[in-house]
C-alpha atoms as a PDB file:
ATOM      1  CA  MET A   1     -20.682  -4.387  -9.808  1.00  0.00           C
ATOM      2  CA  ALA A   2     -21.037  -7.120  -7.220  1.00  0.00           C
ATOM      3  CA  LYS A   3     -17.862  -8.746  -5.941  1.00  0.00           C
ATOM      4  CA  PHE A   4     -16.430 -11.370  -3.661  1.00  0.00           C
ATOM      5  CA  GLU A   5     -13.572  -9.868  -1.667  1.00  0.00           C
ATOM      6  CA  ILE A   6     -11.035 -12.368  -0.318  1.00  0.00           C
ATOM      7  CA  LYS A   7      -8.729 -11.378   2.515  1.00  0.00           C
ATOM      8  CA  LYS A   8      -6.555 -13.024   5.128  1.00  0.00           C
ATOM      9  CA  ASP A   9      -7.621 -12.405   8.730  1.00  0.00           C
ATOM     10  CA  LYS A  10      -5.423 -11.923  11.813  1.00  0.00           C
ATOM     11  CA  ARG A  11      -5.376 -15.694  12.426  1.00  0.00           C
ATOM     12  CA  GLY A  12      -4.036 -16.310   8.926  1.00  0.00           C
ATOM     13  CA  GLU A  13      -7.320 -17.707   7.602  1.00  0.00           C
ATOM     14  CA  PHE A  14      -8.893 -16.704   4.290  1.00  0.00           C
ATOM     15  CA  ARG A  15     -12.388 -15.222   4.345  1.00  0.00           C
ATOM     16  CA  PHE A  16     -14.650 -13.765   1.705  1.00  0.00           C
ATOM     17  CA  ASN A  17     -17.325 -11.108   1.769  1.00  0.00           C
ATOM     18  CA  LEU A  18     -19.959 -10.869  -0.936  1.00  0.00           C
ATOM     19  CA  LYS A  19     -20.664  -7.220  -1.644  1.00  0.00           C
ATOM     20  CA  ALA A  20     -23.552  -5.860  -3.684  1.00  0.00           C
ATOM     21  CA  GLY A  21     -23.023  -3.271  -6.410  1.00  0.00           C
ATOM     22  CA  ASN A  22     -23.615  -0.487  -3.865  1.00  0.00           C
ATOM     23  CA  GLY A  23     -20.703  -1.753  -1.732  1.00  0.00           C
ATOM     24  CA  GLN A  24     -22.868  -3.181   1.047  1.00  0.00           C
ATOM     25  CA  THR A  25     -21.704  -6.513   2.479  1.00  0.00           C
ATOM     26  CA  ILE A  26     -24.507  -9.054   2.068  1.00  0.00           C
ATOM     27  CA  LEU A  27     -22.752 -12.298   3.059  1.00  0.00           C
ATOM     28  CA  VAL A  28     -19.619 -13.209   5.029  1.00  0.00           C
ATOM     29  CA  SER A  29     -17.837 -16.551   5.115  1.00  0.00           C
ATOM     30  CA  GLU A  30     -16.223 -18.674   7.750  1.00  0.00           C
ATOM     31  CA  GLY A  31     -12.429 -18.861   7.911  1.00  0.00           C
ATOM     32  CA  TYR A  32     -10.601 -21.207   5.546  1.00  0.00           C
ATOM     33  CA  LYS A  33      -7.035 -22.423   6.119  1.00  0.00           C
ATOM     34  CA  ALA A  34      -6.258 -22.518   2.378  1.00  0.00           C
ATOM     35  CA  LYS A  35      -7.081 -20.021  -0.346  1.00  0.00           C
ATOM     36  CA  THR A  36      -8.253 -22.844  -2.636  1.00  0.00           C
ATOM     37  CA  SER A  37     -10.809 -23.839   0.010  1.00  0.00           C
ATOM     38  CA  CYS A  38     -11.995 -20.217   0.156  1.00  0.00           C
ATOM     39  CA  LEU A  39     -12.374 -20.176  -3.633  1.00  0.00           C
ATOM     40  CA  ASN A  40     -14.333 -23.435  -3.421  1.00  0.00           C
ATOM     41  CA  GLY A  41     -16.573 -21.721  -0.844  1.00  0.00           C
ATOM     42  CA  ILE A  42     -17.255 -18.918  -3.320  1.00  0.00           C
ATOM     43  CA  GLU A  43     -18.223 -21.445  -5.991  1.00  0.00           C
ATOM     44  CA  SER A  44     -20.533 -23.119  -3.473  1.00  0.00           C
ATOM     45  CA  VAL A  45     -22.203 -19.748  -2.788  1.00  0.00           C
ATOM     46  CA  ARG A  46     -22.676 -19.185  -6.522  1.00  0.00           C
ATOM     47  CA  LYS A  47     -24.353 -22.586  -6.880  1.00  0.00           C
ATOM     48  CA  ASN A  48     -26.394 -22.784  -3.668  1.00  0.00           C
ATOM     49  CA  SER A  49     -27.612 -19.169  -3.734  1.00  0.00           C
ATOM     50  CA  GLN A  50     -29.913 -20.165  -6.587  1.00  0.00           C
ATOM     51  CA  ASP A  51     -31.837 -22.616  -4.376  1.00  0.00           C
ATOM     52  CA  ASP A  52     -34.124 -20.885  -1.863  1.00  0.00           C
ATOM     53  CA  SER A  53     -34.211 -24.005   0.301  1.00  0.00           C
ATOM     54  CA  LYS A  54     -30.487 -23.492   1.043  1.00  0.00           C
ATOM     55  CA  PHE A  55     -31.247 -20.240   2.896  1.00  0.00           C
ATOM     56  CA  GLU A  56     -31.828 -20.801   6.610  1.00  0.00           C
ATOM     57  CA  ARG A  57     -33.867 -17.946   8.042  1.00  0.00           C
ATOM     58  CA  LEU A  58     -33.049 -17.308  11.713  1.00  0.00           C
ATOM     59  CA  VAL A  59     -33.664 -14.885  14.569  1.00  0.00           C
ATOM     60  CA  ALA A  60     -30.798 -13.770  16.811  1.00  0.00           C
ATOM     61  CA  LYS A  61     -31.030 -13.548  20.604  1.00  0.00           C
ATOM     62  CA  ASN A  62     -31.622  -9.803  20.220  1.00  0.00           C
ATOM     63  CA  GLY A  63     -34.701 -10.532  18.075  1.00  0.00           C
ATOM     64  CA  LYS A  64     -33.169  -9.431  14.772  1.00  0.00           C
ATOM     65  CA  PRO A  65     -33.592 -11.655  11.699  1.00  0.00           C
ATOM     66  CA  TYR A  66     -30.625 -12.926   9.703  1.00  0.00           C
ATOM     67  CA  PHE A  67     -29.854 -15.852   7.412  1.00  0.00           C
ATOM     68  CA  ASN A  68     -27.280 -18.520   6.721  1.00  0.00           C
ATOM     69  CA  LEU A  69     -26.605 -19.970   3.291  1.00  0.00           C
ATOM     70  CA  LYS A  70     -25.932 -23.697   3.476  1.00  0.00           C
ATOM     71  CA  ALA A  71     -24.162 -26.047   1.101  1.00  0.00           C
ATOM     72  CA  THR A  72     -25.682 -29.282  -0.131  1.00  0.00           C
ATOM     73  CA  ASN A  73     -23.986 -31.101   2.781  1.00  0.00           C
ATOM     74  CA  GLY A  74     -25.715 -28.773   5.279  1.00  0.00           C
ATOM     75  CA  GLN A  75     -22.566 -26.825   6.204  1.00  0.00           C
ATOM     76  CA  VAL A  76     -22.938 -23.045   6.568  1.00  0.00           C
ATOM     77  CA  ILE A  77     -20.998 -21.292   3.806  1.00  0.00           C
ATOM     78  CA  GLY A  78     -22.108 -17.728   4.516  1.00  0.00           C
ATOM     79  CA  THR A  79     -23.920 -15.621   7.095  1.00  0.00           C
ATOM     80  CA  SER A  80     -25.739 -12.328   6.619  1.00  0.00           C
ATOM     81  CA  GLU A  81     -25.782  -9.224   8.759  1.00  0.00           C
ATOM     82  CA  MET A  82     -28.551  -8.680  11.318  1.00  0.00           C
ATOM     83  CA  TYR A  83     -31.613  -7.016   9.821  1.00  0.00           C
ATOM     84  CA  ASN A  84     -34.238  -4.775  11.397  1.00  0.00           C
ATOM     85  CA  SER A  85     -37.123  -6.624   9.752  1.00  0.00           C
ATOM     86  CA  ASN A  86     -38.040  -9.846   7.989  1.00  0.00           C
ATOM     87  CA  SER A  87     -38.581  -7.908   4.765  1.00  0.00           C
ATOM     88  CA  GLY A  88     -35.031  -6.537   5.033  1.00  0.00           C
ATOM     89  CA  MET A  89     -33.730 -10.078   5.465  1.00  0.00           C
ATOM     90  CA  GLU A  90     -35.715 -11.282   2.431  1.00  0.00           C
ATOM     91  CA  ASN A  91     -34.249  -8.402   0.404  1.00  0.00           C
ATOM     92  CA  GLY A  92     -30.792  -9.561   1.525  1.00  0.00           C
ATOM     93  CA  ILE A  93     -31.533 -13.103   0.346  1.00  0.00           C
ATOM     94  CA  ALA A  94     -32.760 -11.756  -2.992  1.00  0.00           C
ATOM     95  CA  SER A  95     -29.555  -9.720  -3.301  1.00  0.00           C
ATOM     96  CA  VAL A  96     -27.357 -12.793  -2.696  1.00  0.00           C
ATOM     97  CA  ASN A  97     -29.453 -14.725  -5.237  1.00  0.00           C
ATOM     98  CA  LYS A  98     -29.021 -11.971  -7.830  1.00  0.00           C
ATOM     99  CA  ASN A  99     -25.394 -10.988  -7.193  1.00  0.00           C
ATOM    100  CA  ALA A 100     -23.519 -14.201  -6.328  1.00  0.00           C
ATOM    101  CA  PRO A 101     -23.566 -15.748  -9.828  1.00  0.00           C
ATOM    102  CA  ILE A 102     -22.141 -12.631 -11.507  1.00  0.00           C
ATOM    103  CA  ALA A 103     -19.820 -11.272  -8.816  1.00  0.00           C
ATOM    104  CA  GLU A 104     -16.139 -10.939  -9.666  1.00  0.00           C
ATOM    105  CA  VAL A 105     -13.510 -12.235  -7.248  1.00  0.00           C
ATOM    106  CA  ILE A 106     -11.010  -9.719  -5.859  1.00  0.00           C
ATOM    107  CA  GLU A 107      -8.135 -10.417  -3.479  1.00  0.00           C
ATOM    108  CA  LEU A 108      -7.401  -7.738  -0.903  1.00  0.00           C
ATOM    109  CA  ASP A 109      -4.101  -7.271   0.921  1.00  0.00           C
END
């Protein structure tokens, strides 16, 4: 089952990872100062992941493709891993699209 994992980082900020049913991380968030803001970020991922135009397809300096998911206001709400191919990146986008709406939210220590 897909899940959003929330945890506090070393700087005391809340972050979430969206993980597919196989446990692979498919999207990571920025840091949020408040847990409620992190939860709002998750809701934004659920909503915006259903709109392909919100996915920004990019290429890193090392030539590897990756994507950002943006909110309606244009702010990045999640970033993918680096992929070895464009098709891998597109599969990652499809996985976020499929998993985000149904993923449960889990808080980690």
